[in-house]
Amino acid sequence: MPKQCEAKCEFFRCARKALVRVPSNPHARFIANITFICKEMSGECLEGKCQYATCLRSALLPNNTCGLEYKLERKRTRSIEQEVKKYEEKYGNILERFKGKKLAEDML
């Protein structure tokens, strides 16, 4: 399941430049302790649900999910047997030609 767009993401931006990052603890260094405030609403940021939410990588999908995560999830892994079969089909005729040349040279 793709994750929802979050204000914590490094690619998340507000088109109105109204996003303010306020640490809940002034001495905190971690992003987990940061609250995201919207200056337009004077409240907590709605993240991907806001109409002004944008993504620097253009990966924000209409259903408020992260397209970067979706791309990673869609990749499927192939087994080694499938890879071998693919390359045998692709390069099989080339190998046959080389084998045929060797046999012809040996006969002379």
PDB file of N, CA and C in Angstrom:
ATOM      1  N   MET A   1       0.843  -1.178   0.000  1.00  0.00           N
ATOM      2  CA  MET A   1       0.000   0.000   0.000  1.00  0.00           C
ATOM      3  C   MET A   1       0.887   1.240   0.000  1.00  0.00           C
ATOM      4  N   PRO A   2       0.748   2.126  -0.975  1.00  0.00           N
ATOM      5  CA  PRO A   2       1.563   3.343  -1.015  1.00  0.00           C
ATOM      6  C   PRO A   2       1.249   4.252   0.167  1.00  0.00           C
ATOM      7  N   LYS A   3       2.274   4.924   0.644  1.00  0.00           N
ATOM      8  CA  LYS A   3       2.065   5.786   1.808  1.00  0.00           C
ATOM      9  C   LYS A   3       1.522   7.152   1.378  1.00  0.00           C
ATOM     10  N   GLN A   4       0.851   7.799   2.302  1.00  0.00           N
ATOM     11  CA  GLN A   4       0.287   9.119   2.065  1.00  0.00           C
ATOM     12  C   GLN A   4       1.401  10.160   2.044  1.00  0.00           C
ATOM     13  N   CYS A   5       1.165  11.239   1.325  1.00  0.00           N
ATOM     14  CA  CYS A   5       2.134  12.333   1.262  1.00  0.00           C
ATOM     15  C   CYS A   5       2.244  12.980   2.649  1.00  0.00           C
ATOM     16  N   GLU A   6       3.468  13.253   3.069  1.00  0.00           N
ATOM     17  CA  GLU A   6       3.697  13.827   4.393  1.00  0.00           C
ATOM     18  C   GLU A   6       4.505  15.107   4.281  1.00  0.00           C
ATOM     19  N   ALA A   7       4.301  16.008   5.210  1.00  0.00           N
ATOM     20  CA  ALA A   7       5.076  17.248   5.240  1.00  0.00           C
ATOM     21  C   ALA A   7       6.518  16.981   5.652  1.00  0.00           C
ATOM     22  N   LYS A   8       6.786  15.829   6.261  1.00  0.00           N
ATOM     23  CA  LYS A   8       8.143  15.472   6.671  1.00  0.00           C
ATOM     24  C   LYS A   8       9.039  15.163   5.478  1.00  0.00           C
ATOM     25  N   CYS A   9       8.440  14.855   4.342  1.00  0.00           N
ATOM     26  CA  CYS A   9       9.196  14.474   3.149  1.00  0.00           C
ATOM     27  C   CYS A   9      10.065  15.644   2.686  1.00  0.00           C
ATOM     28  N   GLU A  10      11.273  15.333   2.240  1.00  0.00           N
ATOM     29  CA  GLU A  10      12.189  16.386   1.800  1.00  0.00           C
ATOM     30  C   GLU A  10      11.736  17.051   0.503  1.00  0.00           C
ATOM     31  N   PHE A  11      10.838  16.418  -0.254  1.00  0.00           N
ATOM     32  CA  PHE A  11      10.373  16.965  -1.524  1.00  0.00           C
ATOM     33  C   PHE A  11       9.044  17.703  -1.400  1.00  0.00           C
ATOM     34  N   PHE A  12       8.424  17.685  -0.222  1.00  0.00           N
ATOM     35  CA  PHE A  12       7.132  18.338  -0.002  1.00  0.00           C
ATOM     36  C   PHE A  12       7.317  19.851   0.093  1.00  0.00           C
ATOM     37  N   ARG A  13       6.485  20.596  -0.637  1.00  0.00           N
ATOM     38  CA  ARG A  13       6.512  22.059  -0.574  1.00  0.00           C
ATOM     39  C   ARG A  13       5.087  22.601  -0.586  1.00  0.00           C
ATOM     40  N   CYS A  14       4.929  23.801  -0.050  1.00  0.00           N
ATOM     41  CA  CYS A  14       3.660  24.517  -0.092  1.00  0.00           C
ATOM     42  C   CYS A  14       3.755  25.553  -1.206  1.00  0.00           C
ATOM     43  N   ALA A  15       2.790  25.562  -2.119  1.00  0.00           N
ATOM     44  CA  ALA A  15       2.813  26.498  -3.244  1.00  0.00           C
ATOM     45  C   ALA A  15       2.638  27.941  -2.780  1.00  0.00           C
ATOM     46  N   ARG A  16       1.991  28.154  -1.658  1.00  0.00           N
ATOM     47  CA  ARG A  16       1.799  29.507  -1.122  1.00  0.00           C
ATOM     48  C   ARG A  16       2.930  29.918  -0.188  1.00  0.00           C
ATOM     49  N   LYS A  17       3.898  29.033  -0.005  1.00  0.00           N
ATOM     50  CA  LYS A  17       5.029  29.256   0.907  1.00  0.00           C
ATOM     51  C   LYS A  17       4.547  29.584   2.321  1.00  0.00           C
ATOM     52  N   ALA A  18       3.535  28.850   2.746  1.00  0.00           N
ATOM     53  CA  ALA A  18       2.932  29.083   4.053  1.00  0.00           C
ATOM     54  C   ALA A  18       3.315  28.018   5.075  1.00  0.00           C
ATOM     55  N   LEU A  19       4.180  27.106   4.704  1.00  0.00           N
ATOM     56  CA  LEU A  19       4.564  26.023   5.603  1.00  0.00           C
ATOM     57  C   LEU A  19       5.696  26.468   6.521  1.00  0.00           C
ATOM     58  N   VAL A  20       5.482  26.304   7.814  1.00  0.00           N
ATOM     59  CA  VAL A  20       6.488  26.666   8.813  1.00  0.00           C
ATOM     60  C   VAL A  20       6.786  25.423   9.642  1.00  0.00           C
ATOM     61  N   ARG A  21       8.060  25.156   9.812  1.00  0.00           N
ATOM     62  CA  ARG A  21       8.486  24.016  10.626  1.00  0.00           C
ATOM     63  C   ARG A  21       8.838  24.524  12.021  1.00  0.00           C
ATOM     64  N   VAL A  22       8.070  24.101  13.001  1.00  0.00           N
ATOM     65  CA  VAL A  22       8.263  24.554  14.375  1.00  0.00           C
ATOM     66  C   VAL A  22       8.644  23.352  15.233  1.00  0.00           C
ATOM     67  N   PRO A  23       9.825  23.378  15.848  1.00  0.00           N
ATOM     68  CA  PRO A  23      10.188  22.252  16.718  1.00  0.00           C
ATOM     69  C   PRO A  23       9.338  22.256  17.984  1.00  0.00           C
ATOM     70  N   SER A  24       8.844  21.081  18.351  1.00  0.00           N
ATOM     71  CA  SER A  24       8.052  20.985  19.578  1.00  0.00           C
ATOM     72  C   SER A  24       8.948  21.180  20.796  1.00  0.00           C
ATOM     73  N   ASN A  25      10.224  20.825  20.641  1.00  0.00           N
ATOM     74  CA  ASN A  25      11.221  21.051  21.673  1.00  0.00           C
ATOM     75  C   ASN A  25      12.330  21.873  21.016  1.00  0.00           C
ATOM     76  N   PRO A  26      12.628  23.070  21.488  1.00  0.00           N
ATOM     77  CA  PRO A  26      13.630  23.916  20.829  1.00  0.00           C
ATOM     78  C   PRO A  26      15.008  23.276  20.713  1.00  0.00           C
ATOM     79  N   HIS A  27      15.311  22.325  21.576  1.00  0.00           N
ATOM     80  CA  HIS A  27      16.618  21.684  21.550  1.00  0.00           C
ATOM     81  C   HIS A  27      16.615  20.381  20.749  1.00  0.00           C
ATOM     82  N   ALA A  28      15.477  20.049  20.160  1.00  0.00           N
ATOM     83  CA  ALA A  28      15.366  18.799  19.397  1.00  0.00           C
ATOM     84  C   ALA A  28      16.058  18.948  18.053  1.00  0.00           C
ATOM     85  N   ARG A  29      16.743  17.906  17.648  1.00  0.00           N
ATOM     86  CA  ARG A  29      17.449  17.931  16.368  1.00  0.00           C
ATOM     87  C   ARG A  29      16.798  17.011  15.344  1.00  0.00           C
ATOM     88  N   PHE A  30      15.869  16.194  15.778  1.00  0.00           N
ATOM     89  CA  PHE A  30      15.280  15.202  14.901  1.00  0.00           C
ATOM     90  C   PHE A  30      13.990  15.716  14.283  1.00  0.00           C
ATOM     91  N   ILE A  31      13.719  15.285  13.047  1.00  0.00           N
ATOM     92  CA  ILE A  31      12.522  15.731  12.341  1.00  0.00           C
ATOM     93  C   ILE A  31      11.252  15.161  12.974  1.00  0.00           C
ATOM     94  N   ALA A  32      11.367  14.097  13.749  1.00  0.00           N
ATOM     95  CA  ALA A  32      10.199  13.507  14.403  1.00  0.00           C
ATOM     96  C   ALA A  32       9.610  14.459  15.436  1.00  0.00           C
ATOM     97  N   ASN A  33      10.411  15.370  15.945  1.00  0.00           N
ATOM     98  CA  ASN A  33       9.949  16.301  16.974  1.00  0.00           C
ATOM     99  C   ASN A  33       9.524  17.647  16.395  1.00  0.00           C
ATOM    100  N   ILE A  34       9.298  17.708  15.096  1.00  0.00           N
ATOM    101  CA  ILE A  34       8.945  18.972  14.458  1.00  0.00           C
ATOM    102  C   ILE A  34       7.465  18.966  14.099  1.00  0.00           C
ATOM    103  N   THR A  35       6.786  20.081  14.381  1.00  0.00           N
ATOM    104  CA  THR A  35       5.388  20.263  14.017  1.00  0.00           C
ATOM    105  C   THR A  35       5.338  21.166  12.790  1.00  0.00           C
ATOM    106  N   PHE A  36       4.465  20.850  11.855  1.00  0.00           N
ATOM    107  CA  PHE A  36       4.335  21.637  10.630  1.00  0.00           C
ATOM    108  C   PHE A  36       3.068  22.479  10.713  1.00  0.00           C
ATOM    109  N   ILE A  37       3.246  23.795  10.662  1.00  0.00           N
ATOM    110  CA  ILE A  37       2.152  24.746  10.815  1.00  0.00           C
ATOM    111  C   ILE A  37       1.920  25.471   9.491  1.00  0.00           C
ATOM    112  N   CYS A  38       0.644  25.689   9.153  1.00  0.00           N
ATOM    113  CA  CYS A  38       0.278  26.439   7.954  1.00  0.00           C
ATOM    114  C   CYS A  38      -0.068  27.869   8.371  1.00  0.00           C
ATOM    115  N   LYS A  39       0.627  28.852   7.787  1.00  0.00           N
ATOM    116  CA  LYS A  39       0.361  30.254   8.128  1.00  0.00           C
ATOM    117  C   LYS A  39      -0.987  30.717   7.579  1.00  0.00           C
ATOM    118  N   GLU A  40      -1.444  30.126   6.482  1.00  0.00           N
ATOM    119  CA  GLU A  40      -2.728  30.502   5.885  1.00  0.00           C
ATOM    120  C   GLU A  40      -3.894  30.108   6.792  1.00  0.00           C
ATOM    121  N   MET A  41      -3.840  28.892   7.342  1.00  0.00           N
ATOM    122  CA  MET A  41      -4.926  28.383   8.176  1.00  0.00           C
ATOM    123  C   MET A  41      -4.710  28.667   9.653  1.00  0.00           C
ATOM    124  N   SER A  42      -3.513  29.049  10.027  1.00  0.00           N
ATOM    125  CA  SER A  42      -3.137  29.241  11.433  1.00  0.00           C
ATOM    126  C   SER A  42      -3.380  27.965  12.236  1.00  0.00           C
ATOM    127  N   GLY A  43      -3.008  26.860  11.632  1.00  0.00           N
ATOM    128  CA  GLY A  43      -3.176  25.568  12.293  1.00  0.00           C
ATOM    129  C   GLY A  43      -2.196  24.566  11.722  1.00  0.00           C
ATOM    130  N   GLU A  44      -2.425  23.312  12.058  1.00  0.00           N
ATOM    131  CA  GLU A  44      -1.542  22.255  11.588  1.00  0.00           C
ATOM    132  C   GLU A  44      -1.732  22.030  10.085  1.00  0.00           C
ATOM    133  N   CYS A  45      -0.629  21.708   9.419  1.00  0.00           N
ATOM    134  CA  CYS A  45      -0.640  21.482   7.968  1.00  0.00           C
ATOM    135  C   CYS A  45      -1.480  20.248   7.623  1.00  0.00           C
ATOM    136  N   LEU A  46      -2.247  20.333   6.533  1.00  0.00           N
ATOM    137  CA  LEU A  46      -3.076  19.216   6.083  1.00  0.00           C
ATOM    138  C   LEU A  46      -2.295  18.228   5.220  1.00  0.00           C
ATOM    139  N   GLU A  47      -1.052  18.549   4.954  1.00  0.00           N
ATOM    140  CA  GLU A  47      -0.129  17.731   4.163  1.00  0.00           C
ATOM    141  C   GLU A  47      -0.669  17.514   2.758  1.00  0.00           C
ATOM    142  N   GLY A  48      -0.824  16.285   2.305  1.00  0.00           N
ATOM    143  CA  GLY A  48      -1.220  15.998   0.931  1.00  0.00           C
ATOM    144  C   GLY A  48      -2.646  16.383   0.593  1.00  0.00           C
ATOM    145  N   LYS A  49      -3.486  16.593   1.592  1.00  0.00           N
ATOM    146  CA  LYS A  49      -4.888  16.940   1.360  1.00  0.00           C
ATOM    147  C   LYS A  49      -5.069  18.408   0.981  1.00  0.00           C
ATOM    148  N   CYS A  50      -4.084  19.226   1.252  1.00  0.00           N
ATOM    149  CA  CYS A  50      -4.165  20.659   0.966  1.00  0.00           C
ATOM    150  C   CYS A  50      -4.078  20.898  -0.540  1.00  0.00           C
ATOM    151  N   GLN A  51      -4.816  21.880  -1.032  1.00  0.00           N
ATOM    152  CA  GLN A  51      -4.800  22.167  -2.471  1.00  0.00           C
ATOM    153  C   GLN A  51      -3.493  22.814  -2.915  1.00  0.00           C
ATOM    154  N   TYR A  52      -2.703  23.315  -1.994  1.00  0.00           N
ATOM    155  CA  TYR A  52      -1.438  23.963  -2.336  1.00  0.00           C
ATOM    156  C   TYR A  52      -0.231  23.046  -2.135  1.00  0.00           C
ATOM    157  N   ALA A  53      -0.474  21.817  -1.778  1.00  0.00           N
ATOM    158  CA  ALA A  53       0.621  20.858  -1.581  1.00  0.00           C
ATOM    159  C   ALA A  53       1.241  20.509  -2.929  1.00  0.00           C
ATOM    160  N   THR A  54       2.558  20.562  -3.000  1.00  0.00           N
ATOM    161  CA  THR A  54       3.273  20.199  -4.226  1.00  0.00           C
ATOM    162  C   THR A  54       4.444  19.289  -3.864  1.00  0.00           C
ATOM    163  N   CYS A  55       4.962  18.643  -4.891  1.00  0.00           N
ATOM    164  CA  CYS A  55       6.107  17.759  -4.716  1.00  0.00           C
ATOM    165  C   CYS A  55       7.186  18.202  -5.692  1.00  0.00           C
ATOM    166  N   LEU A  56       8.412  18.339  -5.223  1.00  0.00           N
ATOM    167  CA  LEU A  56       9.508  18.752  -6.100  1.00  0.00           C
ATOM    168  C   LEU A  56       9.783  17.715  -7.172  1.00  0.00           C
ATOM    169  N   ARG A  57       9.495  16.463  -6.903  1.00  0.00           N
ATOM    170  CA  ARG A  57       9.711  15.377  -7.866  1.00  0.00           C
ATOM    171  C   ARG A  57       8.469  15.103  -8.712  1.00  0.00           C
ATOM    172  N   SER A  58       7.439  15.927  -8.572  1.00  0.00           N
ATOM    173  CA  SER A  58       6.163  15.753  -9.293  1.00  0.00           C
ATOM    174  C   SER A  58       5.593  14.356  -9.070  1.00  0.00           C
ATOM    175  N   ALA A  59       5.660  13.899  -7.849  1.00  0.00           N
ATOM    176  CA  ALA A  59       5.223  12.541  -7.529  1.00  0.00           C
ATOM    177  C   ALA A  59       3.965  12.506  -6.675  1.00  0.00           C
ATOM    178  N   LEU A  60       3.345  13.651  -6.435  1.00  0.00           N
ATOM    179  CA  LEU A  60       2.127  13.678  -5.633  1.00  0.00           C
ATOM    180  C   LEU A  60       0.958  13.266  -6.515  1.00  0.00           C
ATOM    181  N   LEU A  61       0.344  12.136  -6.205  1.00  0.00           N
ATOM    182  CA  LEU A  61      -0.764  11.609  -6.998  1.00  0.00           C
ATOM    183  C   LEU A  61      -2.085  12.217  -6.525  1.00  0.00           C
ATOM    184  N   PRO A  62      -3.127  12.195  -7.366  1.00  0.00           N
ATOM    185  CA  PRO A  62      -4.412  12.808  -6.999  1.00  0.00           C
ATOM    186  C   PRO A  62      -5.051  12.240  -5.733  1.00  0.00           C
ATOM    187  N   ASN A  63      -4.763  11.010  -5.390  1.00  0.00           N
ATOM    188  CA  ASN A  63      -5.344  10.425  -4.175  1.00  0.00           C
ATOM    189  C   ASN A  63      -4.455  10.657  -2.949  1.00  0.00           C
ATOM    190  N   ASN A  64      -3.593  11.652  -3.003  1.00  0.00           N
ATOM    191  CA  ASN A  64      -2.714  12.079  -1.902  1.00  0.00           C
ATOM    192  C   ASN A  64      -1.665  11.049  -1.521  1.00  0.00           C
ATOM    193  N   THR A  65      -1.311  10.165  -2.420  1.00  0.00           N
ATOM    194  CA  THR A  65      -0.263   9.196  -2.140  1.00  0.00           C
ATOM    195  C   THR A  65       1.023   9.616  -2.832  1.00  0.00           C
ATOM    196  N   CYS A  66       2.113   9.076  -2.340  1.00  0.00           N
ATOM    197  CA  CYS A  66       3.428   9.406  -2.877  1.00  0.00           C
ATOM    198  C   CYS A  66       3.712   8.535  -4.093  1.00  0.00           C
ATOM    199  N   GLY A  67       3.947   9.139  -5.232  1.00  0.00           N
ATOM    200  CA  GLY A  67       4.238   8.407  -6.458  1.00  0.00           C
ATOM    201  C   GLY A  67       5.588   7.730  -6.429  1.00  0.00           C
ATOM    202  N   LEU A  68       6.526   8.256  -5.660  1.00  0.00           N
ATOM    203  CA  LEU A  68       7.839   7.626  -5.555  1.00  0.00           C
ATOM    204  C   LEU A  68       7.716   6.256  -4.900  1.00  0.00           C
ATOM    205  N   GLU A  69       6.918   6.164  -3.870  1.00  0.00           N
ATOM    206  CA  GLU A  69       6.690   4.883  -3.200  1.00  0.00           C
ATOM    207  C   GLU A  69       5.933   3.932  -4.114  1.00  0.00           C
ATOM    208  N   TYR A  70       5.015   4.463  -4.897  1.00  0.00           N
ATOM    209  CA  TYR A  70       4.217   3.638  -5.805  1.00  0.00           C
ATOM    210  C   TYR A  70       5.098   2.993  -6.862  1.00  0.00           C
ATOM    211  N   LYS A  71       6.062   3.753  -7.396  1.00  0.00           N
ATOM    212  CA  LYS A  71       6.976   3.216  -8.403  1.00  0.00           C
ATOM    213  C   LYS A  71       7.824   2.094  -7.821  1.00  0.00           C
ATOM    214  N   LEU A  72       8.294   2.270  -6.607  1.00  0.00           N
ATOM    215  CA  LEU A  72       9.110   1.244  -5.965  1.00  0.00           C
ATOM    216  C   LEU A  72       8.296  -0.019  -5.698  1.00  0.00           C
ATOM    217  N   GLU A  73       7.036   0.157  -5.351  1.00  0.00           N
ATOM    218  CA  GLU A  73       6.191  -0.980  -5.027  1.00  0.00           C
ATOM    219  C   GLU A  73       5.839  -1.787  -6.275  1.00  0.00           C
ATOM    220  N   ARG A  74       5.695  -1.121  -7.423  1.00  0.00           N
ATOM    221  CA  ARG A  74       5.268  -1.790  -8.647  1.00  0.00           C
ATOM    222  C   ARG A  74       6.348  -2.672  -9.258  1.00  0.00           C
ATOM    223  N   LYS A  75       7.601  -2.423  -8.957  1.00  0.00           N
ATOM    224  CA  LYS A  75       8.670  -3.238  -9.518  1.00  0.00           C
ATOM    225  C   LYS A  75       8.515  -4.673  -9.046  1.00  0.00           C
ATOM    226  N   ARG A  76       8.595  -5.594  -9.989  1.00  0.00           N
ATOM    227  CA  ARG A  76       8.509  -6.987  -9.592  1.00  0.00           C
ATOM    228  C   ARG A  76       9.862  -7.636  -9.796  1.00  0.00           C
ATOM    229  N   THR A  77      10.101  -8.610  -9.020  1.00  0.00           N
ATOM    230  CA  THR A  77      11.373  -9.317  -9.123  1.00  0.00           C
ATOM    231  C   THR A  77      11.162 -10.579  -9.938  1.00  0.00           C
ATOM    232  N   ARG A  78      12.119 -10.847 -10.804  1.00  0.00           N
ATOM    233  CA  ARG A  78      12.059 -12.049 -11.620  1.00  0.00           C
ATOM    234  C   ARG A  78      13.035 -13.068 -11.057  1.00  0.00           C
ATOM    235  N   SER A  79      12.690 -14.307 -11.244  1.00  0.00           N
ATOM    236  CA  SER A  79      13.582 -15.359 -10.767  1.00  0.00           C
ATOM    237  C   SER A  79      14.743 -15.513 -11.744  1.00  0.00           C
ATOM    238  N   ILE A  80      15.767 -16.182 -11.307  1.00  0.00           N
ATOM    239  CA  ILE A  80      16.953 -16.398 -12.138  1.00  0.00           C
ATOM    240  C   ILE A  80      16.593 -17.233 -13.361  1.00  0.00           C
ATOM    241  N   GLU A  81      15.675 -18.187 -13.187  1.00  0.00           N
ATOM    242  CA  GLU A  81      15.264 -19.030 -14.310  1.00  0.00           C
ATOM    243  C   GLU A  81      14.621 -18.199 -15.413  1.00  0.00           C
ATOM    244  N   GLN A  82      13.802 -17.223 -15.017  1.00  0.00           N
ATOM    245  CA  GLN A  82      13.168 -16.351 -16.010  1.00  0.00           C
ATOM    246  C   GLN A  82      14.210 -15.500 -16.729  1.00  0.00           C
ATOM    247  N   GLU A  83      15.205 -15.022 -15.992  1.00  0.00           N
ATOM    248  CA  GLU A  83      16.274 -14.228 -16.609  1.00  0.00           C
ATOM    249  C   GLU A  83      17.050 -15.063 -17.625  1.00  0.00           C
ATOM    250  N   VAL A  84      17.377 -16.303 -17.262  1.00  0.00           N
ATOM    251  CA  VAL A  84      18.135 -17.183 -18.158  1.00  0.00           C
ATOM    252  C   VAL A  84      17.327 -17.465 -19.417  1.00  0.00           C
ATOM    253  N   LYS A  85      16.051 -17.748 -19.246  1.00  0.00           N
ATOM    254  CA  LYS A  85      15.188 -18.033 -20.396  1.00  0.00           C
ATOM    255  C   LYS A  85      15.116 -16.823 -21.326  1.00  0.00           C
ATOM    256  N   LYS A  86      15.024 -15.638 -20.753  1.00  0.00           N
ATOM    257  CA  LYS A  86      14.951 -14.408 -21.548  1.00  0.00           C
ATOM    258  C   LYS A  86      16.222 -14.231 -22.378  1.00  0.00           C
ATOM    259  N   TYR A  87      17.382 -14.422 -21.750  1.00  0.00           N
ATOM    260  CA  TYR A  87      18.643 -14.239 -22.470  1.00  0.00           C
ATOM    261  C   TYR A  87      18.901 -15.358 -23.475  1.00  0.00           C
ATOM    262  N   GLU A  88      18.428 -16.563 -23.180  1.00  0.00           N
ATOM    263  CA  GLU A  88      18.571 -17.649 -24.149  1.00  0.00           C
ATOM    264  C   GLU A  88      17.775 -17.355 -25.412  1.00  0.00           C
ATOM    265  N   GLU A  89      16.569 -16.822 -25.241  1.00  0.00           N
ATOM    266  CA  GLU A  89      15.758 -16.462 -26.405  1.00  0.00           C
ATOM    267  C   GLU A  89      16.403 -15.322 -27.185  1.00  0.00           C
ATOM    268  N   LYS A  90      16.964 -14.379 -26.468  1.00  0.00           N
ATOM    269  CA  LYS A  90      17.535 -13.192 -27.105  1.00  0.00           C
ATOM    270  C   LYS A  90      18.828 -13.513 -27.854  1.00  0.00           C
ATOM    271  N   TYR A  91      19.691 -14.299 -27.231  1.00  0.00           N
ATOM    272  CA  TYR A  91      21.010 -14.549 -27.806  1.00  0.00           C
ATOM    273  C   TYR A  91      21.188 -15.979 -28.322  1.00  0.00           C
ATOM    274  N   GLY A  92      20.127 -16.757 -28.356  1.00  0.00           N
ATOM    275  CA  GLY A  92      20.231 -18.147 -28.785  1.00  0.00           C
ATOM    276  C   GLY A  92      20.694 -18.296 -30.222  1.00  0.00           C
ATOM    277  N   ASN A  93      20.131 -17.493 -31.133  1.00  0.00           N
ATOM    278  CA  ASN A  93      20.518 -17.625 -32.542  1.00  0.00           C
ATOM    279  C   ASN A  93      21.959 -17.172 -32.772  1.00  0.00           C
ATOM    280  N   ILE A  94      22.443 -16.246 -32.001  1.00  0.00           N
ATOM    281  CA  ILE A  94      23.837 -15.800 -32.138  1.00  0.00           C
ATOM    282  C   ILE A  94      24.777 -16.931 -31.729  1.00  0.00           C
ATOM    283  N   LEU A  95      24.449 -17.610 -30.647  1.00  0.00           N
ATOM    284  CA  LEU A  95      25.270 -18.735 -30.198  1.00  0.00           C
ATOM    285  C   LEU A  95      25.273 -19.860 -31.234  1.00  0.00           C
ATOM    286  N   GLU A  96      24.125 -20.110 -31.849  1.00  0.00           N
ATOM    287  CA  GLU A  96      24.048 -21.153 -32.875  1.00  0.00           C
ATOM    288  C   GLU A  96      24.946 -20.817 -34.060  1.00  0.00           C
ATOM    289  N   ARG A  97      24.992 -19.546 -34.436  1.00  0.00           N
ATOM    290  CA  ARG A  97      25.852 -19.136 -35.551  1.00  0.00           C
ATOM    291  C   ARG A  97      27.320 -19.362 -35.219  1.00  0.00           C
ATOM    292  N   PHE A  98      27.720 -19.018 -34.005  1.00  0.00           N
ATOM    293  CA  PHE A  98      29.117 -19.223 -33.609  1.00  0.00           C
ATOM    294  C   PHE A  98      29.462 -20.707 -33.572  1.00  0.00           C
ATOM    295  N   LYS A  99      28.562 -21.508 -33.076  1.00  0.00           N
ATOM    296  CA  LYS A  99      28.799 -22.944 -33.034  1.00  0.00           C
ATOM    297  C   LYS A  99      28.912 -23.507 -34.446  1.00  0.00           C
ATOM    298  N   GLY A 100      28.092 -23.021 -35.365  1.00  0.00           N
ATOM    299  CA  GLY A 100      28.125 -23.470 -36.750  1.00  0.00           C
ATOM    300  C   GLY A 100      29.437 -23.125 -37.423  1.00  0.00           C
ATOM    301  N   LYS A 101      29.989 -21.944 -37.134  1.00  0.00           N
ATOM    302  CA  LYS A 101      31.265 -21.532 -37.722  1.00  0.00           C
ATOM    303  C   LYS A 101      32.393 -22.410 -37.210  1.00  0.00           C
ATOM    304  N   LYS A 102      32.360 -22.746 -35.944  1.00  0.00           N
ATOM    305  CA  LYS A 102      33.409 -23.592 -35.373  1.00  0.00           C
ATOM    306  C   LYS A 102      33.418 -24.954 -36.046  1.00  0.00           C
ATOM    307  N   LEU A 103      32.233 -25.513 -36.228  1.00  0.00           N
ATOM    308  CA  LEU A 103      32.136 -26.827 -36.862  1.00  0.00           C
ATOM    309  C   LEU A 103      32.629 -26.771 -38.300  1.00  0.00           C
ATOM    310  N   ALA A 104      32.297 -25.710 -39.019  1.00  0.00           N
ATOM    311  CA  ALA A 104      32.714 -25.592 -40.415  1.00  0.00           C
ATOM    312  C   ALA A 104      34.231 -25.460 -40.502  1.00  0.00           C
ATOM    313  N   GLU A 105      34.861 -24.738 -39.589  1.00  0.00           N
ATOM    314  CA  GLU A 105      36.318 -24.562 -39.601  1.00  0.00           C
ATOM    315  C   GLU A 105      37.024 -25.873 -39.243  1.00  0.00           C
ATOM    316  N   ASP A 106      36.438 -26.637 -38.335  1.00  0.00           N
ATOM    317  CA  ASP A 106      37.036 -27.913 -37.939  1.00  0.00           C
ATOM    318  C   ASP A 106      37.011 -28.920 -39.086  1.00  0.00           C
ATOM    319  N   MET A 107      36.011 -28.834 -39.943  1.00  0.00           N
ATOM    320  CA  MET A 107      35.878 -29.783 -41.044  1.00  0.00           C
ATOM    321  C   MET A 107      36.902 -29.519 -42.138  1.00  0.00           C
ATOM    322  N   LEU A 108      37.380 -28.291 -42.260  1.00  0.00           N
ATOM    323  CA  LEU A 108      38.351 -27.958 -43.313  1.00  0.00           C
ATOM    324  C   LEU A 108      39.693 -28.392 -42.934  1.00  0.00           C
TER     325      LEU A 108
END
